[in-house]
Structure formats: structure tokens, C-alpha cells
Amino acid sequence: MEKKILSCLVLAFGLMIILVLNASASASAADGITCEEALTQLITCQPYFLGFGPTPSPTCCKGAENVSQQANTTTIRRSLCECFEKAAKAFQIIPERLKQLPQLCKIQVPVPLDPTVDCNTVP
């Protein structure tokens, strides 16, 4: 039964990605990672972000690391910040879970994982 619920959540998360992407067409710089690419790499984090399980999966951490490595300019970081803010609201992500991701995955992230941050202040 739990697998069926998780499958439905993954499907719903995928549909929400499409909606967020349509709402944020100018997600990032042309030669950097896009909002769509970032959210796709982070889709395996969805169960953790929604409160399922005490820690993110290794695949989630790898996706977060990949996104972090590609956020290499101020323009890209600000675009990803806006993307993550919209996604956090649309997917009803638990903010505390989002903020804990870097520590639990043992990675440095150049983009604040806080849905309340002012993205215009991101360096």
C-alpha cells in the first residue's frame, strides 16, 4: 500500500514539475542549468522533502551535488533560487527538510535552500 501511495506522489510531483516549468519559462541562463534540469535531477528528493524517511536517498544527494556544481554564475544561482522557491510552494515541500539537505548530503550549495530568501541578494 505504501508503494502505491509513493507511486502516486511521484506521479503528482512530475505533473507539478510541468506546471512550475510552464510558469517559469525563463528559468536560467541559456548556457547554464535550467529550472527543468535542476528539478529533474532533484525528483528523487521528493519523498524526503515531503516527510517520508529520515534522510534523503543517495540518488537525491547525487542530484543535489550535480545541481550545485552547475550553479556557477550569479545569474544561474538567482534563477535556480527563484525556481526552487516556486517549486517549494507548488509541491508543499517542508521548508526544514529543504534547509537540511546540504548538511545531510554533506555538500556545499551556492543557492540558498530557503523558500523565504530574497533571490535578488544571491551572489
C-alpha atoms as a PDB file:
ATOM      1  CA  MET A   1       0.000   0.000   0.000  1.00  0.00           C
ATOM      2  CA  GLU A   2       2.857   2.378   0.868  1.00  0.00           C
ATOM      3  CA  LYS A   3       4.446   1.762  -2.554  1.00  0.00           C
ATOM      4  CA  LYS A   4       1.174   2.650  -4.270  1.00  0.00           C
ATOM      5  CA  ILE A   5       0.944   5.911  -2.327  1.00  0.00           C
ATOM      6  CA  LEU A   6       4.583   6.710  -3.112  1.00  0.00           C
ATOM      7  CA  SER A   7       3.985   5.985  -6.813  1.00  0.00           C
ATOM      8  CA  CYS A   8       1.039   8.370  -6.822  1.00  0.00           C
ATOM      9  CA  LEU A   9       3.148  11.024  -5.107  1.00  0.00           C
ATOM     10  CA  VAL A  10       5.918  10.647  -7.678  1.00  0.00           C
ATOM     11  CA  LEU A  11       3.383  10.987 -10.495  1.00  0.00           C
ATOM     12  CA  ALA A  12       1.847  14.054  -8.858  1.00  0.00           C
ATOM     13  CA  PHE A  13       5.319  15.528  -8.322  1.00  0.00           C
ATOM     14  CA  GLY A  14       6.107  15.006 -12.018  1.00  0.00           C
ATOM     15  CA  LEU A  15       2.920  16.768 -13.042  1.00  0.00           C
ATOM     16  CA  MET A  16       3.687  19.630 -10.689  1.00  0.00           C
ATOM     17  CA  ILE A  17       7.141  19.976 -12.280  1.00  0.00           C
ATOM     18  CA  ILE A  18       5.444  20.516 -15.630  1.00  0.00           C
ATOM     19  CA  LEU A  19       3.213  23.208 -14.137  1.00  0.00           C
ATOM     20  CA  VAL A  20       6.105  25.001 -12.442  1.00  0.00           C
ATOM     21  CA  LEU A  21       8.163  24.842 -15.615  1.00  0.00           C
ATOM     22  CA  ASN A  22       5.377  26.387 -17.637  1.00  0.00           C
ATOM     23  CA  ALA A  23       5.108  29.167 -15.069  1.00  0.00           C
ATOM     24  CA  SER A  24       8.857  29.851 -15.097  1.00  0.00           C
ATOM     25  CA  ALA A  25       9.858  29.676 -18.735  1.00  0.00           C
ATOM     26  CA  SER A  26      12.849  31.965 -18.258  1.00  0.00           C
ATOM     27  CA  ALA A  27      14.339  29.688 -15.638  1.00  0.00           C
ATOM     28  CA  SER A  28      18.057  30.345 -16.097  1.00  0.00           C
ATOM     29  CA  ALA A  29      20.810  31.424 -18.402  1.00  0.00           C
ATOM     30  CA  ALA A  30      20.912  29.845 -21.850  1.00  0.00           C
ATOM     31  CA  ASP A  31      24.242  28.103 -21.318  1.00  0.00           C
ATOM     32  CA  GLY A  32      23.646  27.038 -17.699  1.00  0.00           C
ATOM     33  CA  ILE A  33      21.426  24.545 -15.940  1.00  0.00           C
ATOM     34  CA  THR A  34      17.728  25.260 -16.393  1.00  0.00           C
ATOM     35  CA  CYS A  35      14.947  25.047 -13.846  1.00  0.00           C
ATOM     36  CA  GLU A  36      13.630  21.951 -15.618  1.00  0.00           C
ATOM     37  CA  GLU A  37      17.016  20.236 -15.499  1.00  0.00           C
ATOM     38  CA  ALA A  38      17.504  21.088 -11.832  1.00  0.00           C
ATOM     39  CA  LEU A  39      14.059  19.849 -10.798  1.00  0.00           C
ATOM     40  CA  THR A  40      14.512  16.678 -12.836  1.00  0.00           C
ATOM     41  CA  GLN A  41      17.802  15.964 -11.050  1.00  0.00           C
ATOM     42  CA  LEU A  42      16.123  16.556  -7.699  1.00  0.00           C
ATOM     43  CA  ILE A  43      12.983  14.467  -8.314  1.00  0.00           C
ATOM     44  CA  THR A  44      14.381  11.605  -6.225  1.00  0.00           C
ATOM     45  CA  CYS A  45      14.441  14.009  -3.252  1.00  0.00           C
ATOM     46  CA  GLN A  46      10.664  14.357  -3.337  1.00  0.00           C
ATOM     47  CA  PRO A  47       9.847  11.668  -0.736  1.00  0.00           C
ATOM     48  CA  TYR A  48      12.342  13.195   1.708  1.00  0.00           C
ATOM     49  CA  PHE A  49      11.083  16.761   1.054  1.00  0.00           C
ATOM     50  CA  LEU A  50       7.523  15.647   1.802  1.00  0.00           C
ATOM     51  CA  GLY A  51       8.457  13.971   5.084  1.00  0.00           C
ATOM     52  CA  PHE A  52       8.903  10.335   4.045  1.00  0.00           C
ATOM     53  CA  GLY A  53      12.019   8.870   5.619  1.00  0.00           C
ATOM     54  CA  PRO A  54      14.531  10.457   7.972  1.00  0.00           C
ATOM     55  CA  THR A  55      17.218  11.172   5.363  1.00  0.00           C
ATOM     56  CA  PRO A  56      17.495  11.862   1.636  1.00  0.00           C
ATOM     57  CA  SER A  57      18.448   8.958  -0.614  1.00  0.00           C
ATOM     58  CA  PRO A  58      21.963   8.668  -2.094  1.00  0.00           C
ATOM     59  CA  THR A  59      20.433   9.387  -5.523  1.00  0.00           C
ATOM     60  CA  CYS A  60      18.869  12.570  -4.142  1.00  0.00           C
ATOM     61  CA  CYS A  61      22.218  13.685  -2.728  1.00  0.00           C
ATOM     62  CA  LYS A  62      23.958  12.986  -6.033  1.00  0.00           C
ATOM     63  CA  GLY A  63      21.340  15.050  -7.881  1.00  0.00           C
ATOM     64  CA  ALA A  64      21.741  17.910  -5.406  1.00  0.00           C
ATOM     65  CA  GLU A  65      25.512  17.772  -5.834  1.00  0.00           C
ATOM     66  CA  ASN A  66      25.169  17.871  -9.638  1.00  0.00           C
ATOM     67  CA  VAL A  67      22.856  20.884  -9.485  1.00  0.00           C
ATOM     68  CA  SER A  68      25.206  22.667  -7.080  1.00  0.00           C
ATOM     69  CA  GLN A  69      28.186  22.133  -9.364  1.00  0.00           C
ATOM     70  CA  GLN A  70      26.301  23.633 -12.313  1.00  0.00           C
ATOM     71  CA  ALA A  71      25.175  26.743 -10.413  1.00  0.00           C
ATOM     72  CA  ASN A  72      28.397  28.533 -11.349  1.00  0.00           C
ATOM     73  CA  THR A  73      27.283  32.101 -12.126  1.00  0.00           C
ATOM     74  CA  THR A  74      25.241  34.683 -10.258  1.00  0.00           C
ATOM     75  CA  THR A  75      22.582  34.638 -12.995  1.00  0.00           C
ATOM     76  CA  ILE A  76      22.181  30.869 -12.783  1.00  0.00           C
ATOM     77  CA  ARG A  77      22.136  30.874  -8.966  1.00  0.00           C
ATOM     78  CA  ARG A  78      19.444  33.578  -8.861  1.00  0.00           C
ATOM     79  CA  SER A  79      17.357  31.767 -11.477  1.00  0.00           C
ATOM     80  CA  LEU A  80      17.645  28.495  -9.578  1.00  0.00           C
ATOM     81  CA  CYS A  81      16.755  30.288  -6.347  1.00  0.00           C
ATOM     82  CA  GLU A  82      13.525  31.553  -7.951  1.00  0.00           C
ATOM     83  CA  CYS A  83      12.870  28.117  -9.424  1.00  0.00           C
ATOM     84  CA  PHE A  84      13.316  26.420  -6.039  1.00  0.00           C
ATOM     85  CA  GLU A  85      11.076  28.973  -4.312  1.00  0.00           C
ATOM     86  CA  LYS A  86       8.256  28.319  -6.789  1.00  0.00           C
ATOM     87  CA  ALA A  87       8.754  24.562  -6.612  1.00  0.00           C
ATOM     88  CA  ALA A  88       8.787  24.544  -2.796  1.00  0.00           C
ATOM     89  CA  LYS A  89       5.445  26.348  -2.717  1.00  0.00           C
ATOM     90  CA  ALA A  90       3.885  24.325  -5.541  1.00  0.00           C
ATOM     91  CA  PHE A  91       4.970  20.948  -4.141  1.00  0.00           C
ATOM     92  CA  GLN A  92       4.275  21.872  -0.498  1.00  0.00           C
ATOM     93  CA  ILE A  93       7.816  20.930   0.465  1.00  0.00           C
ATOM     94  CA  ILE A  94       8.600  21.031   4.168  1.00  0.00           C
ATOM     95  CA  PRO A  95      10.992  24.023   4.443  1.00  0.00           C
ATOM     96  CA  GLU A  96      13.036  22.482   7.266  1.00  0.00           C
ATOM     97  CA  ARG A  97      13.700  19.421   5.107  1.00  0.00           C
ATOM     98  CA  LEU A  98      14.877  21.606   2.253  1.00  0.00           C
ATOM     99  CA  LYS A  99      17.243  23.549   4.522  1.00  0.00           C
ATOM    100  CA  GLN A 100      18.710  20.319   5.981  1.00  0.00           C
ATOM    101  CA  LEU A 101      19.596  18.814   2.591  1.00  0.00           C
ATOM    102  CA  PRO A 102      23.163  20.218   2.303  1.00  0.00           C
ATOM    103  CA  GLN A 103      24.122  19.029   5.783  1.00  0.00           C
ATOM    104  CA  LEU A 104      22.601  15.573   5.356  1.00  0.00           C
ATOM    105  CA  CYS A 105      24.144  15.124   1.894  1.00  0.00           C
ATOM    106  CA  LYS A 106      27.459  16.612   3.072  1.00  0.00           C
ATOM    107  CA  ILE A 107      27.598  19.115   0.208  1.00  0.00           C
ATOM    108  CA  GLN A 108      28.055  22.857  -0.205  1.00  0.00           C
ATOM    109  CA  VAL A 109      25.272  24.596  -2.117  1.00  0.00           C
ATOM    110  CA  PRO A 110      25.704  28.033  -3.719  1.00  0.00           C
ATOM    111  CA  VAL A 111      21.935  28.559  -3.892  1.00  0.00           C
ATOM    112  CA  PRO A 112      20.008  29.128  -0.645  1.00  0.00           C
ATOM    113  CA  LEU A 113      17.576  26.297   0.004  1.00  0.00           C
ATOM    114  CA  ASP A 114      15.131  28.524   1.799  1.00  0.00           C
ATOM    115  CA  PRO A 115      11.774  29.425   0.253  1.00  0.00           C
ATOM    116  CA  THR A 116      11.772  32.769   2.094  1.00  0.00           C
ATOM    117  CA  VAL A 117      15.129  34.129   0.865  1.00  0.00           C
ATOM    118  CA  ASP A 118      15.281  37.190  -1.409  1.00  0.00           C
ATOM    119  CA  CYS A 119      16.746  35.721  -4.611  1.00  0.00           C
ATOM    120  CA  ASN A 120      17.992  39.147  -5.715  1.00  0.00           C
ATOM    121  CA  THR A 121      20.552  39.008  -2.890  1.00  0.00           C
ATOM    122  CA  VAL A 122      22.071  35.696  -4.026  1.00  0.00           C
ATOM    123  CA  PRO A 123      25.697  36.277  -5.066  1.00  0.00           C
END
